């Protein structure tokens, strides 16, 4: 029987990460987010702090992804570190899905596991005003900075996803469940997703 996986795509400030974390605690199953950088580091022998610079970012056509001695290595001359990280993380995501139930945040996991019978692909979004409030509640930043941060992070995630999947980030056709997190409490969303998870067991 296939393991039960829930992947999360999310708009910045929608509380998607917080929902995923709370769900993982409720279900007592592993949660993968930045852990994937460390697993990729072990696989590639590239320090995690170097890989973190290109995590969930598309390679630029005009410049090296990071100004680091690792990027100057011969193997990266025609193979950007962004691509290496994506391919390595994709392999790790598939391996994880074969061995355990879990929750995976971002990194195109919904696309990578789209044919996995136990995978439920979730996208969390919210109106712009709600996202601004959420970010301001957790960060001590002026509203102008928050507005710019939301635009930049969403653009970065959209560009990364569209480039590596040839699909459109946030398009409902690419997910099994899209949730406007402003309409519910975090606990209510977790209740809903727990029911989805239990129904697949």
N, C-alpha and C. Protein backbone atom coordinates (compact mmCIF):
# COMPACT_ATOMS: atom_id res chain seq x y z
N UNK A 1 0.84 -1.20 0.00
CA UNK A 1 0.00 0.00 0.00
C UNK A 1 0.87 1.25 0.00
N UNK A 2 0.49 2.24 -0.84
CA UNK A 2 1.29 3.46 -0.96
C UNK A 2 1.23 4.27 0.33
N UNK A 3 2.33 4.91 0.64
CA UNK A 3 2.36 5.81 1.79
C UNK A 3 1.52 7.05 1.50
N UNK A 4 1.02 7.66 2.56
CA UNK A 4 0.17 8.84 2.42
C UNK A 4 1.03 10.10 2.59
N UNK A 5 1.04 10.91 1.54
CA UNK A 5 1.86 12.11 1.50
C UNK A 5 0.96 13.32 1.28
N UNK A 6 1.24 14.41 1.97
CA UNK A 6 0.56 15.67 1.69
C UNK A 6 1.62 16.70 1.33
N UNK A 7 1.52 17.25 0.13
CA UNK A 7 2.44 18.30 -0.29
C UNK A 7 1.75 19.66 -0.17
N UNK A 8 2.54 20.67 0.14
CA UNK A 8 2.00 22.01 0.30
C UNK A 8 2.70 22.99 -0.63
N UNK A 9 1.91 23.65 -1.48
CA UNK A 9 2.34 24.86 -2.14
C UNK A 9 1.68 25.99 -1.37
N UNK A 10 2.27 27.18 -1.38
CA UNK A 10 1.68 28.25 -0.58
C UNK A 10 2.12 29.62 -1.07
N UNK A 11 1.19 30.56 -1.01
CA UNK A 11 1.53 31.95 -1.20
C UNK A 11 2.24 32.45 0.05
N UNK A 12 3.15 33.38 -0.13
CA UNK A 12 3.86 33.93 1.02
C UNK A 12 2.89 34.70 1.90
N UNK A 13 2.91 34.39 3.19
CA UNK A 13 2.03 35.06 4.13
C UNK A 13 0.67 34.41 4.29
N UNK A 14 0.45 33.29 3.62
CA UNK A 14 -0.85 32.62 3.72
C UNK A 14 -0.95 31.68 4.92
N UNK A 15 0.14 31.54 5.65
CA UNK A 15 0.23 30.62 6.79
C UNK A 15 0.29 29.15 6.36
N UNK A 16 0.66 28.92 5.10
CA UNK A 16 0.77 27.55 4.60
C UNK A 16 1.78 26.72 5.37
N UNK A 17 2.93 27.32 5.66
CA UNK A 17 3.96 26.58 6.42
C UNK A 17 3.48 26.26 7.82
N UNK A 18 2.85 27.23 8.47
CA UNK A 18 2.36 27.01 9.83
C UNK A 18 1.30 25.92 9.86
N UNK A 19 0.42 25.92 8.88
CA UNK A 19 -0.62 24.88 8.79
C UNK A 19 0.04 23.51 8.61
N UNK A 20 1.03 23.44 7.73
CA UNK A 20 1.72 22.17 7.49
C UNK A 20 2.42 21.67 8.74
N UNK A 21 3.07 22.58 9.46
CA UNK A 21 3.76 22.20 10.69
C UNK A 21 2.78 21.67 11.74
N UNK A 22 1.66 22.36 11.90
CA UNK A 22 0.66 21.94 12.89
C UNK A 22 0.05 20.60 12.49
N UNK A 23 -0.16 20.39 11.20
CA UNK A 23 -0.71 19.12 10.73
C UNK A 23 0.25 17.98 11.00
N UNK A 24 1.54 18.20 10.74
CA UNK A 24 2.54 17.16 10.99
C UNK A 24 2.57 16.79 12.48
N UNK A 25 2.46 17.80 13.34
CA UNK A 25 2.42 17.52 14.78
C UNK A 25 1.18 16.70 15.14
N UNK A 26 0.04 17.10 14.60
CA UNK A 26 -1.21 16.42 14.89
C UNK A 26 -1.15 14.95 14.45
N UNK A 27 -0.60 14.72 13.26
CA UNK A 27 -0.56 13.37 12.70
C UNK A 27 0.64 12.56 13.19
N UNK A 28 1.59 13.27 13.79
CA UNK A 28 2.83 12.63 14.27
C UNK A 28 3.56 11.93 13.12
N UNK A 29 3.71 12.67 12.02
CA UNK A 29 4.46 12.16 10.87
C UNK A 29 5.56 13.18 10.52
N UNK A 30 6.60 12.75 9.79
CA UNK A 30 7.70 13.65 9.46
C UNK A 30 7.25 14.83 8.60
N UNK A 31 7.95 15.93 8.80
CA UNK A 31 7.70 17.19 8.09
C UNK A 31 9.00 17.58 7.40
N UNK A 32 8.93 17.79 6.09
CA UNK A 32 10.14 18.13 5.33
C UNK A 32 10.00 19.50 4.70
N UNK A 33 10.96 20.35 5.01
CA UNK A 33 11.01 21.69 4.44
C UNK A 33 12.48 21.99 4.17
N UNK A 34 13.09 22.77 5.02
CA UNK A 34 14.51 23.08 4.84
C UNK A 34 15.39 21.86 5.11
N UNK A 35 14.80 20.83 5.73
CA UNK A 35 15.54 19.57 5.94
C UNK A 35 16.05 19.02 4.60
N UNK A 36 15.29 19.30 3.54
CA UNK A 36 15.67 18.79 2.22
C UNK A 36 16.99 19.39 1.75
N UNK A 37 17.30 20.59 2.20
CA UNK A 37 18.59 21.19 1.85
C UNK A 37 19.72 20.39 2.49
N UNK A 38 19.54 20.01 3.75
CA UNK A 38 20.59 19.26 4.46
C UNK A 38 20.74 17.86 3.88
N UNK A 39 19.63 17.25 3.49
CA UNK A 39 19.72 15.93 2.85
C UNK A 39 20.42 16.03 1.50
N UNK A 40 20.14 17.10 0.76
CA UNK A 40 20.81 17.31 -0.52
C UNK A 40 22.29 17.59 -0.32
N UNK A 41 22.62 18.28 0.75
CA UNK A 41 24.02 18.57 1.07
C UNK A 41 24.79 17.27 1.31
N UNK A 42 24.17 16.35 2.04
CA UNK A 42 24.81 15.07 2.30
C UNK A 42 25.04 14.29 1.00
N UNK A 43 24.12 14.44 0.07
CA UNK A 43 24.20 13.70 -1.19
C UNK A 43 25.22 14.30 -2.16
N UNK A 44 25.40 15.62 -2.09
CA UNK A 44 26.26 16.30 -3.07
C UNK A 44 27.61 16.75 -2.52
N UNK A 45 27.78 16.69 -1.20
CA UNK A 45 28.99 17.19 -0.54
C UNK A 45 29.17 18.69 -0.73
N UNK A 46 28.08 19.40 -0.94
CA UNK A 46 28.11 20.86 -1.00
C UNK A 46 27.52 21.38 0.31
N UNK A 47 28.17 22.32 0.97
CA UNK A 47 27.68 22.80 2.27
C UNK A 47 26.24 23.30 2.17
N UNK A 48 25.42 23.04 3.18
CA UNK A 48 24.02 23.45 3.14
C UNK A 48 23.84 24.96 3.00
N UNK A 49 24.76 25.74 3.56
CA UNK A 49 24.62 27.20 3.46
C UNK A 49 24.81 27.68 2.02
N UNK A 50 25.56 26.92 1.23
CA UNK A 50 25.72 27.26 -0.19
C UNK A 50 24.46 26.88 -0.96
N UNK A 51 23.95 25.69 -0.71
CA UNK A 51 22.72 25.24 -1.38
C UNK A 51 21.53 26.12 -1.00
N UNK A 52 21.50 26.59 0.23
CA UNK A 52 20.38 27.43 0.68
C UNK A 52 20.25 28.70 -0.16
N UNK A 53 21.37 29.16 -0.72
CA UNK A 53 21.32 30.38 -1.54
C UNK A 53 20.56 30.19 -2.84
N UNK A 54 20.45 28.94 -3.30
CA UNK A 54 19.75 28.69 -4.57
C UNK A 54 18.47 27.88 -4.37
N UNK A 55 18.11 27.63 -3.11
CA UNK A 55 16.93 26.82 -2.83
C UNK A 55 15.66 27.51 -3.34
N UNK A 56 14.84 26.78 -4.07
CA UNK A 56 13.59 27.27 -4.66
C UNK A 56 13.81 28.53 -5.50
N UNK A 57 14.92 28.55 -6.23
CA UNK A 57 15.21 29.65 -7.14
C UNK A 57 15.60 29.08 -8.51
N UNK A 58 15.11 29.71 -9.56
CA UNK A 58 15.47 29.34 -10.92
C UNK A 58 16.85 29.90 -11.24
N UNK A 59 17.62 29.15 -12.01
CA UNK A 59 18.94 29.64 -12.43
C UNK A 59 18.78 30.83 -13.36
N UNK A 60 19.68 31.79 -13.24
CA UNK A 60 19.68 32.95 -14.12
C UNK A 60 20.42 32.62 -15.41
N UNK A 61 19.94 33.18 -16.52
CA UNK A 61 20.62 32.98 -17.80
C UNK A 61 21.83 33.89 -17.95
N UNK A 62 22.00 34.85 -17.03
CA UNK A 62 23.01 35.88 -17.22
C UNK A 62 24.13 35.88 -16.19
N UNK A 63 23.95 35.18 -15.09
CA UNK A 63 25.00 35.21 -14.08
C UNK A 63 25.01 33.92 -13.29
N UNK A 64 26.13 33.68 -12.58
CA UNK A 64 26.22 32.50 -11.73
C UNK A 64 25.21 32.62 -10.60
N UNK A 65 24.61 31.51 -10.19
CA UNK A 65 23.61 31.59 -9.12
C UNK A 65 24.17 32.03 -7.78
N UNK A 66 25.41 31.68 -7.49
CA UNK A 66 26.02 32.14 -6.24
C UNK A 66 27.46 32.52 -6.51
N UNK A 67 27.94 33.54 -5.83
CA UNK A 67 29.33 33.96 -5.93
C UNK A 67 30.11 33.18 -4.89
N UNK A 68 30.46 31.97 -5.25
CA UNK A 68 31.07 31.05 -4.30
C UNK A 68 32.04 30.15 -5.04
N UNK A 69 33.14 29.75 -4.41
CA UNK A 69 34.10 28.86 -5.07
C UNK A 69 33.48 27.57 -5.62
N UNK A 70 32.43 27.08 -4.96
CA UNK A 70 31.78 25.86 -5.44
C UNK A 70 31.21 26.05 -6.84
N UNK A 71 30.66 27.24 -7.09
CA UNK A 71 30.06 27.49 -8.40
C UNK A 71 31.12 27.54 -9.50
N UNK A 72 32.37 27.78 -9.14
CA UNK A 72 33.45 27.86 -10.12
C UNK A 72 33.99 26.49 -10.50
N UNK A 73 33.54 25.45 -9.83
CA UNK A 73 34.00 24.11 -10.17
C UNK A 73 33.57 23.75 -11.59
N UNK A 74 34.38 22.91 -12.24
CA UNK A 74 34.14 22.56 -13.63
C UNK A 74 32.76 21.95 -13.85
N UNK A 75 32.28 21.16 -12.89
CA UNK A 75 31.00 20.47 -13.09
C UNK A 75 29.82 21.43 -13.16
N UNK A 76 29.98 22.67 -12.67
CA UNK A 76 28.89 23.62 -12.70
C UNK A 76 28.99 24.60 -13.88
N UNK A 77 29.97 24.41 -14.74
CA UNK A 77 30.15 25.36 -15.84
C UNK A 77 28.93 25.40 -16.75
N UNK A 78 28.37 24.23 -17.03
CA UNK A 78 27.18 24.16 -17.88
C UNK A 78 25.97 23.55 -17.15
N UNK A 79 26.09 23.43 -15.86
CA UNK A 79 25.03 22.81 -15.05
C UNK A 79 24.88 23.61 -13.77
N UNK A 80 24.01 24.62 -13.78
CA UNK A 80 23.89 25.49 -12.61
C UNK A 80 23.59 24.73 -11.33
N UNK A 81 24.05 25.26 -10.23
CA UNK A 81 23.82 24.63 -8.94
C UNK A 81 22.32 24.55 -8.64
N UNK A 82 21.54 25.50 -9.16
CA UNK A 82 20.09 25.44 -8.98
C UNK A 82 19.52 24.14 -9.53
N UNK A 83 20.00 23.77 -10.73
CA UNK A 83 19.51 22.55 -11.37
C UNK A 83 19.96 21.31 -10.61
N UNK A 84 21.19 21.33 -10.14
CA UNK A 84 21.69 20.21 -9.34
C UNK A 84 20.84 20.04 -8.08
N UNK A 85 20.54 21.15 -7.41
CA UNK A 85 19.75 21.06 -6.19
C UNK A 85 18.34 20.56 -6.49
N UNK A 86 17.73 21.06 -7.56
CA UNK A 86 16.38 20.60 -7.89
C UNK A 86 16.37 19.10 -8.16
N UNK A 87 17.29 18.63 -8.99
CA UNK A 87 17.32 17.20 -9.33
C UNK A 87 17.62 16.34 -8.10
N UNK A 88 18.50 16.82 -7.24
CA UNK A 88 18.84 16.07 -6.02
C UNK A 88 17.65 16.02 -5.07
N UNK A 89 16.99 17.16 -4.87
CA UNK A 89 15.83 17.19 -3.99
C UNK A 89 14.68 16.36 -4.56
N UNK A 90 14.51 16.38 -5.89
CA UNK A 90 13.45 15.57 -6.51
C UNK A 90 13.68 14.09 -6.24
N UNK A 91 14.92 13.66 -6.34
CA UNK A 91 15.26 12.26 -6.06
C UNK A 91 14.98 11.93 -4.60
N UNK A 92 15.34 12.84 -3.70
CA UNK A 92 15.12 12.63 -2.27
C UNK A 92 13.62 12.57 -1.97
N UNK A 93 12.84 13.46 -2.58
CA UNK A 93 11.39 13.48 -2.37
C UNK A 93 10.77 12.15 -2.79
N UNK A 94 11.19 11.61 -3.92
CA UNK A 94 10.66 10.31 -4.38
C UNK A 94 11.04 9.19 -3.41
N UNK A 95 12.28 9.23 -2.91
CA UNK A 95 12.73 8.20 -1.97
C UNK A 95 11.95 8.28 -0.66
N UNK A 96 11.71 9.50 -0.18
CA UNK A 96 10.94 9.67 1.05
C UNK A 96 9.53 9.13 0.88
N UNK A 97 8.91 9.44 -0.26
CA UNK A 97 7.53 9.01 -0.52
C UNK A 97 7.40 7.50 -0.58
N UNK A 98 8.48 6.83 -0.88
CA UNK A 98 8.46 5.36 -0.95
C UNK A 98 8.64 4.70 0.41
N UNK A 99 9.09 5.47 1.40
CA UNK A 99 9.43 4.82 2.68
C UNK A 99 8.54 5.23 3.85
N UNK A 100 7.81 6.39 3.76
CA UNK A 100 7.06 6.82 4.93
C UNK A 100 5.97 7.83 4.58
N UNK A 101 4.96 7.89 5.44
CA UNK A 101 3.98 8.98 5.38
C UNK A 101 4.70 10.26 5.78
N UNK A 102 4.35 11.37 5.17
CA UNK A 102 5.01 12.63 5.53
C UNK A 102 4.30 13.82 4.92
N UNK A 103 4.77 14.99 5.30
CA UNK A 103 4.33 16.26 4.74
C UNK A 103 5.55 16.95 4.13
N UNK A 104 5.40 17.47 2.92
CA UNK A 104 6.51 18.10 2.21
C UNK A 104 6.08 19.49 1.78
N UNK A 105 6.92 20.47 2.08
CA UNK A 105 6.64 21.86 1.74
C UNK A 105 7.40 22.27 0.48
N UNK A 106 6.67 22.83 -0.49
CA UNK A 106 7.29 23.45 -1.66
C UNK A 106 8.15 22.52 -2.49
N UNK A 107 9.15 23.11 -3.15
CA UNK A 107 10.16 22.41 -3.95
C UNK A 107 9.55 21.52 -5.04
N UNK A 108 8.38 21.96 -5.55
CA UNK A 108 7.70 21.27 -6.65
C UNK A 108 7.31 19.84 -6.30
N UNK A 109 7.21 19.54 -5.00
CA UNK A 109 6.90 18.17 -4.58
C UNK A 109 5.56 17.71 -5.13
N UNK A 110 4.59 18.63 -5.25
CA UNK A 110 3.29 18.25 -5.79
C UNK A 110 3.41 17.73 -7.22
N UNK A 111 4.30 18.36 -8.00
CA UNK A 111 4.51 17.93 -9.39
C UNK A 111 5.33 16.64 -9.43
N UNK A 112 6.35 16.57 -8.61
CA UNK A 112 7.22 15.40 -8.58
C UNK A 112 6.42 14.15 -8.21
N UNK A 113 5.44 14.31 -7.32
CA UNK A 113 4.66 13.17 -6.83
C UNK A 113 3.25 13.11 -7.42
N UNK A 114 3.02 13.79 -8.54
CA UNK A 114 1.66 13.88 -9.08
C UNK A 114 1.08 12.53 -9.45
N UNK A 115 1.92 11.55 -9.73
CA UNK A 115 1.43 10.21 -10.08
C UNK A 115 1.47 9.23 -8.91
N UNK A 116 1.89 9.73 -7.75
CA UNK A 116 1.95 8.88 -6.56
C UNK A 116 0.53 8.67 -6.03
N UNK A 117 0.07 7.44 -5.91
CA UNK A 117 -1.33 7.20 -5.54
C UNK A 117 -1.73 7.68 -4.15
N UNK A 118 -0.75 7.85 -3.26
CA UNK A 118 -1.07 8.27 -1.91
C UNK A 118 -0.88 9.75 -1.65
N UNK A 119 -0.60 10.52 -2.71
CA UNK A 119 -0.27 11.93 -2.54
C UNK A 119 -1.50 12.83 -2.68
N UNK A 120 -1.67 13.73 -1.73
CA UNK A 120 -2.67 14.79 -1.81
C UNK A 120 -1.94 16.12 -1.94
N UNK A 121 -2.23 16.85 -3.00
CA UNK A 121 -1.51 18.09 -3.29
C UNK A 121 -2.37 19.28 -2.87
N UNK A 122 -1.86 20.05 -1.91
CA UNK A 122 -2.60 21.17 -1.32
C UNK A 122 -1.92 22.49 -1.70
N UNK A 123 -2.74 23.49 -2.00
CA UNK A 123 -2.22 24.84 -2.21
C UNK A 123 -2.96 25.79 -1.27
N UNK A 124 -2.20 26.54 -0.48
CA UNK A 124 -2.79 27.47 0.49
C UNK A 124 -2.58 28.90 -0.02
N UNK A 125 -3.68 29.64 -0.08
CA UNK A 125 -3.63 31.03 -0.55
C UNK A 125 -4.47 31.90 0.38
N UNK A 126 -4.43 33.20 0.15
CA UNK A 126 -5.24 34.13 0.94
C UNK A 126 -5.24 35.47 0.23
N UNK A 127 -6.24 36.31 0.48
CA UNK A 127 -6.23 37.66 -0.09
C UNK A 127 -4.98 38.42 0.34
N UNK A 128 -4.58 39.34 -0.50
CA UNK A 128 -3.35 40.09 -0.24
C UNK A 128 -3.38 40.77 1.12
N UNK A 129 -4.51 41.38 1.48
CA UNK A 129 -4.60 42.11 2.75
C UNK A 129 -4.39 41.18 3.95
N UNK A 130 -4.91 39.95 3.84
CA UNK A 130 -4.75 38.99 4.93
C UNK A 130 -3.28 38.55 5.04
N UNK A 131 -2.63 38.41 3.91
CA UNK A 131 -1.23 38.00 3.93
C UNK A 131 -0.34 39.10 4.51
N UNK A 132 -0.67 40.34 4.19
CA UNK A 132 0.08 41.46 4.77
C UNK A 132 -0.06 41.44 6.29
N UNK A 133 -1.27 41.24 6.78
CA UNK A 133 -1.48 41.19 8.24
C UNK A 133 -0.71 40.04 8.87
N UNK A 134 -0.74 38.87 8.23
CA UNK A 134 -0.03 37.71 8.77
C UNK A 134 1.47 37.96 8.89
N UNK A 135 2.05 38.54 7.83
CA UNK A 135 3.49 38.79 7.84
C UNK A 135 3.83 39.86 8.87
N UNK A 136 3.01 40.89 8.95
CA UNK A 136 3.27 41.96 9.92
C UNK A 136 3.14 41.45 11.35
N UNK A 137 2.27 40.47 11.57
CA UNK A 137 2.11 39.90 12.91
C UNK A 137 3.35 39.14 13.36
N UNK A 138 4.07 38.54 12.41
CA UNK A 138 5.22 37.73 12.81
C UNK A 138 6.57 38.41 12.55
N UNK A 139 6.57 39.52 11.79
CA UNK A 139 7.82 40.22 11.49
C UNK A 139 7.69 41.68 11.93
N UNK A 140 8.75 42.22 12.45
CA UNK A 140 8.74 43.64 12.84
C UNK A 140 9.22 44.48 11.66
N UNK A 141 8.35 44.61 10.67
CA UNK A 141 8.70 45.31 9.44
C UNK A 141 7.61 46.31 9.09
N UNK A 142 7.98 47.43 8.45
CA UNK A 142 6.96 48.39 8.00
C UNK A 142 6.14 47.80 6.87
N UNK A 143 4.93 48.31 6.68
CA UNK A 143 4.03 47.75 5.69
C UNK A 143 4.60 47.80 4.28
N UNK A 144 5.36 48.86 3.95
CA UNK A 144 5.94 48.96 2.60
C UNK A 144 6.91 47.82 2.34
N UNK A 145 7.69 47.46 3.36
CA UNK A 145 8.64 46.35 3.22
C UNK A 145 7.92 45.03 3.09
N UNK A 146 6.84 44.85 3.84
CA UNK A 146 6.05 43.62 3.78
C UNK A 146 5.42 43.47 2.39
N UNK A 147 4.88 44.55 1.87
CA UNK A 147 4.27 44.52 0.53
C UNK A 147 5.29 44.06 -0.50
N UNK A 148 6.48 44.62 -0.45
CA UNK A 148 7.54 44.27 -1.39
C UNK A 148 7.99 42.83 -1.20
N UNK A 149 8.09 42.39 0.04
CA UNK A 149 8.51 41.02 0.35
C UNK A 149 7.52 40.01 -0.23
N UNK A 150 6.24 40.28 -0.08
CA UNK A 150 5.22 39.39 -0.62
C UNK A 150 5.34 39.29 -2.14
N UNK A 151 5.51 40.43 -2.79
CA UNK A 151 5.65 40.42 -4.26
C UNK A 151 6.88 39.62 -4.69
N UNK A 152 8.00 39.86 -4.01
CA UNK A 152 9.25 39.21 -4.41
C UNK A 152 9.23 37.71 -4.15
N UNK A 153 8.77 37.28 -2.98
CA UNK A 153 8.77 35.86 -2.66
C UNK A 153 7.80 35.10 -3.56
N UNK A 154 6.60 35.66 -3.79
CA UNK A 154 5.65 35.01 -4.68
C UNK A 154 6.22 34.90 -6.10
N UNK A 155 6.86 35.96 -6.56
CA UNK A 155 7.46 35.94 -7.91
C UNK A 155 8.55 34.87 -8.00
N UNK A 156 9.37 34.78 -6.95
CA UNK A 156 10.44 33.79 -6.92
C UNK A 156 9.87 32.37 -6.95
N UNK A 157 8.85 32.11 -6.16
CA UNK A 157 8.23 30.77 -6.12
C UNK A 157 7.56 30.45 -7.45
N UNK A 158 6.87 31.44 -8.02
CA UNK A 158 6.19 31.23 -9.30
C UNK A 158 7.19 30.91 -10.41
N UNK A 159 8.26 31.69 -10.47
CA UNK A 159 9.27 31.49 -11.52
C UNK A 159 9.94 30.13 -11.39
N UNK A 160 10.27 29.75 -10.16
CA UNK A 160 10.90 28.45 -9.89
C UNK A 160 9.98 27.31 -10.31
N UNK A 161 8.75 27.37 -9.84
CA UNK A 161 7.79 26.29 -10.12
C UNK A 161 7.51 26.17 -11.61
N UNK A 162 7.22 27.29 -12.25
CA UNK A 162 6.89 27.26 -13.68
C UNK A 162 8.06 26.73 -14.52
N UNK A 163 9.28 27.11 -14.13
CA UNK A 163 10.46 26.69 -14.89
C UNK A 163 10.71 25.19 -14.77
N UNK A 164 10.64 24.67 -13.57
CA UNK A 164 10.99 23.27 -13.37
C UNK A 164 9.85 22.28 -13.63
N UNK A 165 8.63 22.77 -13.75
CA UNK A 165 7.51 21.84 -13.94
C UNK A 165 6.79 22.02 -15.27
N UNK A 166 7.02 23.14 -15.96
CA UNK A 166 6.25 23.49 -17.17
C UNK A 166 4.76 23.58 -16.87
N UNK A 167 4.43 23.83 -15.60
CA UNK A 167 3.04 24.04 -15.19
C UNK A 167 2.98 25.43 -14.55
N UNK A 168 1.79 25.84 -14.13
CA UNK A 168 1.63 27.17 -13.55
C UNK A 168 1.40 27.08 -12.05
N UNK A 169 2.27 27.75 -11.32
CA UNK A 169 2.18 27.81 -9.86
C UNK A 169 0.86 28.44 -9.45
N UNK A 170 0.16 27.78 -8.51
CA UNK A 170 -1.07 28.33 -8.00
C UNK A 170 -2.31 28.04 -8.81
N UNK A 171 -2.17 27.45 -10.01
CA UNK A 171 -3.33 27.10 -10.84
C UNK A 171 -4.05 25.91 -10.21
N UNK A 172 -5.34 26.05 -10.04
CA UNK A 172 -6.11 25.02 -9.31
C UNK A 172 -6.02 23.64 -9.95
N UNK A 173 -5.80 23.58 -11.26
CA UNK A 173 -5.72 22.29 -11.94
C UNK A 173 -4.53 21.44 -11.49
N UNK A 174 -3.55 22.09 -10.87
CA UNK A 174 -2.33 21.38 -10.46
C UNK A 174 -2.40 20.83 -9.03
N UNK A 175 -3.55 21.03 -8.37
CA UNK A 175 -3.67 20.63 -6.97
C UNK A 175 -4.96 19.86 -6.73
N UNK A 176 -4.99 19.10 -5.67
CA UNK A 176 -6.19 18.36 -5.30
C UNK A 176 -7.10 19.18 -4.40
N UNK A 177 -6.49 20.13 -3.67
CA UNK A 177 -7.25 20.93 -2.72
C UNK A 177 -6.61 22.31 -2.60
N UNK A 178 -7.40 23.35 -2.87
CA UNK A 178 -6.92 24.72 -2.71
C UNK A 178 -7.71 25.36 -1.57
N UNK A 179 -7.01 25.98 -0.62
CA UNK A 179 -7.65 26.49 0.59
C UNK A 179 -7.33 27.96 0.79
N UNK A 180 -8.38 28.77 0.93
CA UNK A 180 -8.22 30.17 1.32
C UNK A 180 -8.11 30.20 2.84
N UNK A 181 -6.90 30.37 3.33
CA UNK A 181 -6.67 30.26 4.77
C UNK A 181 -7.28 31.41 5.57
N UNK A 182 -7.71 32.47 4.88
CA UNK A 182 -8.33 33.59 5.60
C UNK A 182 -9.76 33.28 6.03
N UNK A 183 -10.34 32.23 5.46
CA UNK A 183 -11.73 31.88 5.74
C UNK A 183 -11.88 30.95 6.96
N UNK A 184 -10.76 30.44 7.44
CA UNK A 184 -10.79 29.46 8.52
C UNK A 184 -9.69 29.75 9.53
N UNK A 185 -9.82 29.19 10.72
CA UNK A 185 -8.71 29.22 11.67
C UNK A 185 -7.71 28.14 11.24
N UNK A 186 -6.50 28.25 11.75
CA UNK A 186 -5.50 27.22 11.45
C UNK A 186 -5.98 25.86 11.95
N UNK A 187 -6.60 25.84 13.11
CA UNK A 187 -7.09 24.58 13.65
C UNK A 187 -8.16 23.96 12.73
N UNK A 188 -9.02 24.77 12.17
CA UNK A 188 -10.05 24.26 11.27
C UNK A 188 -9.44 23.66 10.00
N UNK A 189 -8.43 24.32 9.45
CA UNK A 189 -7.77 23.79 8.27
C UNK A 189 -7.06 22.48 8.59
N UNK A 190 -6.41 22.43 9.76
CA UNK A 190 -5.74 21.20 10.18
C UNK A 190 -6.76 20.08 10.37
N UNK A 191 -7.92 20.40 10.94
CA UNK A 191 -8.99 19.40 11.10
C UNK A 191 -9.39 18.83 9.74
N UNK A 192 -9.56 19.72 8.77
CA UNK A 192 -9.95 19.30 7.42
C UNK A 192 -8.90 18.37 6.79
N UNK A 193 -7.65 18.78 6.90
CA UNK A 193 -6.59 18.00 6.28
C UNK A 193 -6.32 16.70 7.03
N UNK A 194 -6.55 16.70 8.33
CA UNK A 194 -6.45 15.45 9.07
C UNK A 194 -7.49 14.46 8.57
N UNK A 195 -8.70 14.95 8.31
CA UNK A 195 -9.76 14.07 7.80
C UNK A 195 -9.39 13.50 6.44
N UNK A 196 -8.77 14.35 5.59
CA UNK A 196 -8.32 13.87 4.27
C UNK A 196 -7.27 12.78 4.45
N UNK A 197 -6.32 13.02 5.34
CA UNK A 197 -5.26 12.06 5.59
C UNK A 197 -5.85 10.73 6.11
N UNK A 198 -6.73 10.80 7.10
CA UNK A 198 -7.31 9.59 7.69
C UNK A 198 -8.11 8.82 6.64
N UNK A 199 -8.77 9.53 5.72
CA UNK A 199 -9.59 8.86 4.71
C UNK A 199 -8.76 8.03 3.75
N UNK A 200 -7.48 8.34 3.65
CA UNK A 200 -6.59 7.63 2.72
C UNK A 200 -5.86 6.48 3.38
N UNK A 201 -6.03 6.33 4.71
CA UNK A 201 -5.31 5.26 5.42
C UNK A 201 -6.09 3.93 5.33
